[in-house]
Structures are given as structure tokens and as C-alpha cells.
Amino acid sequence: FESKHRYFMDAANASDKIAVIDTKEGKLEKLVSVGKVPHPGRGANFVDPQFGPVWSTGHLGDAVVSLISTASDDPKFAKYKANNWKVVQELKMPGAGNL
């Protein structure tokens, strides 16, 4: 889940995507393309100083951690809305795995 627990994120490993499910509306919100074989475990939520609220995950088949911008109704994060459900940064890691 992202930090407000409305959107559930799950790895669609075979397609190298993260499925974003809106639990309030009961529908698929977005499929986000990420690195090879996103980790099926939980990610980490935090507020990035450059990109605002993000959800992050490692990859089993790629040496990166992807930061995905998440939606927020909080007015202080309105300036990040154009990036919602997009990979805003990939952090290079020494090897594949998770956080």
C-alpha cells in the first residue's frame, strides 16, 4: 500500500510492471513499467524532497530500486500530481534484490 492505504501496489513480475489498484473504487488505477522482475514483497513509503510522496521497490532481476510517485489529496503535495504513478527515479544498487 501507499502511505494513505487507498492504493495497493503489487508486482506483476512476468510483465515487469507494478499494478496499482484503487481499493476505494475497486479497479485497476495504473500499470507502471519498472525494471526487470519487481520484488513481490512490500515496498517502502516516504516523502522524497525532490519528488514528494513515493513508494519504492527493489527488483529480483535488476540492480535498481524504483521510486514511484504516489497520489495524494494533501494540498502540500499538489505540485507533484503530474508525476503520479510514474517512475520518478531509479537508484542504482550493487546487486539485485530488495530494500
C-alpha atoms as a PDB file:
ATOM      1  CA  PHE A   1       0.000   0.000   0.000  1.00  0.00           C
ATOM      2  CA  GLU A   2       0.988   3.621  -0.394  1.00  0.00           C
ATOM      3  CA  SER A   3       1.063   5.761   2.755  1.00  0.00           C
ATOM      4  CA  LYS A   4      -2.694   6.546   2.856  1.00  0.00           C
ATOM      5  CA  HIS A   5      -3.696   2.880   2.325  1.00  0.00           C
ATOM      6  CA  ARG A   6      -6.026   3.610  -0.587  1.00  0.00           C
ATOM      7  CA  TYR A   7      -3.826   2.244  -3.360  1.00  0.00           C
ATOM      8  CA  PHE A   8      -2.418  -1.263  -3.230  1.00  0.00           C
ATOM      9  CA  MET A   9       0.729  -1.928  -5.261  1.00  0.00           C
ATOM     10  CA  ASP A  10       1.579  -5.425  -6.407  1.00  0.00           C
ATOM     11  CA  ALA A  11       4.345  -6.790  -8.612  1.00  0.00           C
ATOM     12  CA  ALA A  12       3.252  -8.143 -11.992  1.00  0.00           C
ATOM     13  CA  ASN A  13       6.569  -9.972 -12.347  1.00  0.00           C
ATOM     14  CA  ALA A  14       6.026 -11.597 -15.741  1.00  0.00           C
ATOM     15  CA  SER A  15       5.448  -8.197 -17.354  1.00  0.00           C
ATOM     16  CA  ASP A  16       7.975  -6.150 -15.302  1.00  0.00           C
ATOM     17  CA  LYS A  17       5.225  -3.850 -14.052  1.00  0.00           C
ATOM     18  CA  ILE A  18       3.687  -2.707 -10.787  1.00  0.00           C
ATOM     19  CA  ALA A  19      -0.108  -2.930 -10.693  1.00  0.00           C
ATOM     20  CA  VAL A  20      -1.704  -0.019  -8.800  1.00  0.00           C
ATOM     21  CA  ILE A  21      -5.160  -0.972  -7.505  1.00  0.00           C
ATOM     22  CA  ASP A  22      -7.582   1.629  -6.156  1.00  0.00           C
ATOM     23  CA  THR A  23      -9.158  -0.160  -3.180  1.00  0.00           C
ATOM     24  CA  LYS A  24     -11.817   2.553  -2.745  1.00  0.00           C
ATOM     25  CA  GLU A  25     -13.082   2.244  -6.333  1.00  0.00           C
ATOM     26  CA  GLY A  26     -12.210  -1.449  -6.682  1.00  0.00           C
ATOM     27  CA  LYS A  27     -10.404  -1.023 -10.005  1.00  0.00           C
ATOM     28  CA  LEU A  28      -7.003  -1.049 -11.625  1.00  0.00           C
ATOM     29  CA  GLU A  29      -5.642   2.508 -11.487  1.00  0.00           C
ATOM     30  CA  LYS A  30      -2.419   2.055 -13.459  1.00  0.00           C
ATOM     31  CA  LEU A  31       0.241  -0.382 -14.639  1.00  0.00           C
ATOM     32  CA  VAL A  32       3.677   1.139 -14.063  1.00  0.00           C
ATOM     33  CA  SER A  33       6.611  -0.186 -16.104  1.00  0.00           C
ATOM     34  CA  VAL A  34       9.650  -0.810 -13.908  1.00  0.00           C
ATOM     35  CA  GLY A  35      12.942  -2.743 -14.004  1.00  0.00           C
ATOM     36  CA  LYS A  36      13.241  -6.466 -14.549  1.00  0.00           C
ATOM     37  CA  VAL A  37      11.239  -8.659 -12.140  1.00  0.00           C
ATOM     38  CA  PRO A  38       9.950  -6.237  -9.473  1.00  0.00           C
ATOM     39  CA  HIS A  39      10.170  -7.674  -5.963  1.00  0.00           C
ATOM     40  CA  PRO A  40       6.869  -9.270  -4.857  1.00  0.00           C
ATOM     41  CA  GLY A  41       7.280  -8.114  -1.233  1.00  0.00           C
ATOM     42  CA  ARG A  42       6.199  -4.857   0.298  1.00  0.00           C
ATOM     43  CA  GLY A  43       7.968  -1.670  -0.678  1.00  0.00           C
ATOM     44  CA  ALA A  44       8.708   1.418   1.382  1.00  0.00           C
ATOM     45  CA  ASN A  45       6.785   4.712   1.536  1.00  0.00           C
ATOM     46  CA  PHE A  46       8.471   8.035   2.169  1.00  0.00           C
ATOM     47  CA  VAL A  47       8.407  11.675   1.117  1.00  0.00           C
ATOM     48  CA  ASP A  48      11.280  12.384  -1.243  1.00  0.00           C
ATOM     49  CA  PRO A  49      12.472  16.031  -1.098  1.00  0.00           C
ATOM     50  CA  GLN A  50      12.525  16.263  -4.902  1.00  0.00           C
ATOM     51  CA  PHE A  51       9.545  14.073  -5.920  1.00  0.00           C
ATOM     52  CA  GLY A  52       7.140  14.206  -2.953  1.00  0.00           C
ATOM     53  CA  PRO A  53       5.339  11.054  -1.748  1.00  0.00           C
ATOM     54  CA  VAL A  54       6.827   7.914  -3.293  1.00  0.00           C
ATOM     55  CA  TRP A  55       6.620   4.151  -2.979  1.00  0.00           C
ATOM     56  CA  SER A  56       9.849   2.269  -3.611  1.00  0.00           C
ATOM     57  CA  THR A  57      10.689  -1.302  -4.511  1.00  0.00           C
ATOM     58  CA  GLY A  58      13.718  -3.339  -5.456  1.00  0.00           C
ATOM     59  CA  HIS A  59      13.907  -5.886  -8.266  1.00  0.00           C
ATOM     60  CA  LEU A  60      14.893  -9.535  -8.338  1.00  0.00           C
ATOM     61  CA  GLY A  61      16.292  -9.282 -11.860  1.00  0.00           C
ATOM     62  CA  ASP A  62      17.732  -5.770 -11.897  1.00  0.00           C
ATOM     63  CA  ALA A  63      20.150  -3.862  -9.661  1.00  0.00           C
ATOM     64  CA  VAL A  64      17.898  -0.837  -9.087  1.00  0.00           C
ATOM     65  CA  VAL A  65      15.360   0.469  -6.602  1.00  0.00           C
ATOM     66  CA  SER A  66      12.483   2.209  -8.389  1.00  0.00           C
ATOM     67  CA  LEU A  67      10.772   5.237  -6.820  1.00  0.00           C
ATOM     68  CA  ILE A  68       7.159   5.608  -7.973  1.00  0.00           C
ATOM     69  CA  SER A  69       5.318   8.864  -7.288  1.00  0.00           C
ATOM     70  CA  THR A  70       2.043   8.195  -5.438  1.00  0.00           C
ATOM     71  CA  ALA A  71      -1.228  10.108  -5.439  1.00  0.00           C
ATOM     72  CA  SER A  72      -2.041  12.397  -2.514  1.00  0.00           C
ATOM     73  CA  ASP A  73      -5.049  14.565  -1.671  1.00  0.00           C
ATOM     74  CA  ASP A  74      -2.875  16.692   0.600  1.00  0.00           C
ATOM     75  CA  PRO A  75      -2.636  20.219  -0.909  1.00  0.00           C
ATOM     76  CA  LYS A  76       1.046  20.478   0.036  1.00  0.00           C
ATOM     77  CA  PHE A  77       1.788  17.683  -2.473  1.00  0.00           C
ATOM     78  CA  ALA A  78      -0.322  19.116  -5.336  1.00  0.00           C
ATOM     79  CA  LYS A  79       2.779  20.205  -7.268  1.00  0.00           C
ATOM     80  CA  TYR A  80       3.780  16.528  -7.702  1.00  0.00           C
ATOM     81  CA  LYS A  81       0.458  15.421  -9.253  1.00  0.00           C
ATOM     82  CA  ALA A  82       1.817  15.302 -12.833  1.00  0.00           C
ATOM     83  CA  ASN A  83       4.183  12.518 -11.717  1.00  0.00           C
ATOM     84  CA  ASN A  84       1.543  10.302 -10.061  1.00  0.00           C
ATOM     85  CA  TRP A  85       2.066   6.628 -10.854  1.00  0.00           C
ATOM     86  CA  LYS A  86       5.281   7.216 -12.789  1.00  0.00           C
ATOM     87  CA  VAL A  87       8.807   6.065 -12.011  1.00  0.00           C
ATOM     88  CA  VAL A  88      10.494   9.307 -10.956  1.00  0.00           C
ATOM     89  CA  GLN A  89      13.892   7.854 -10.102  1.00  0.00           C
ATOM     90  CA  GLU A  90      15.865   4.613 -10.287  1.00  0.00           C
ATOM     91  CA  LEU A  91      18.597   4.196  -7.704  1.00  0.00           C
ATOM     92  CA  LYS A  92      21.474   2.024  -8.885  1.00  0.00           C
ATOM     93  CA  MET A  93      22.398  -0.701  -6.411  1.00  0.00           C
ATOM     94  CA  PRO A  94      25.411  -3.038  -6.150  1.00  0.00           C
ATOM     95  CA  GLY A  95      23.208  -6.055  -6.945  1.00  0.00           C
ATOM     96  CA  ALA A  96      19.651  -7.263  -7.493  1.00  0.00           C
ATOM     97  CA  GLY A  97      17.369  -7.782  -4.504  1.00  0.00           C
ATOM     98  CA  ASN A  98      15.111  -5.718  -2.288  1.00  0.00           C
ATOM     99  CA  LEU A  99      15.381  -2.907   0.227  1.00  0.00           C
END
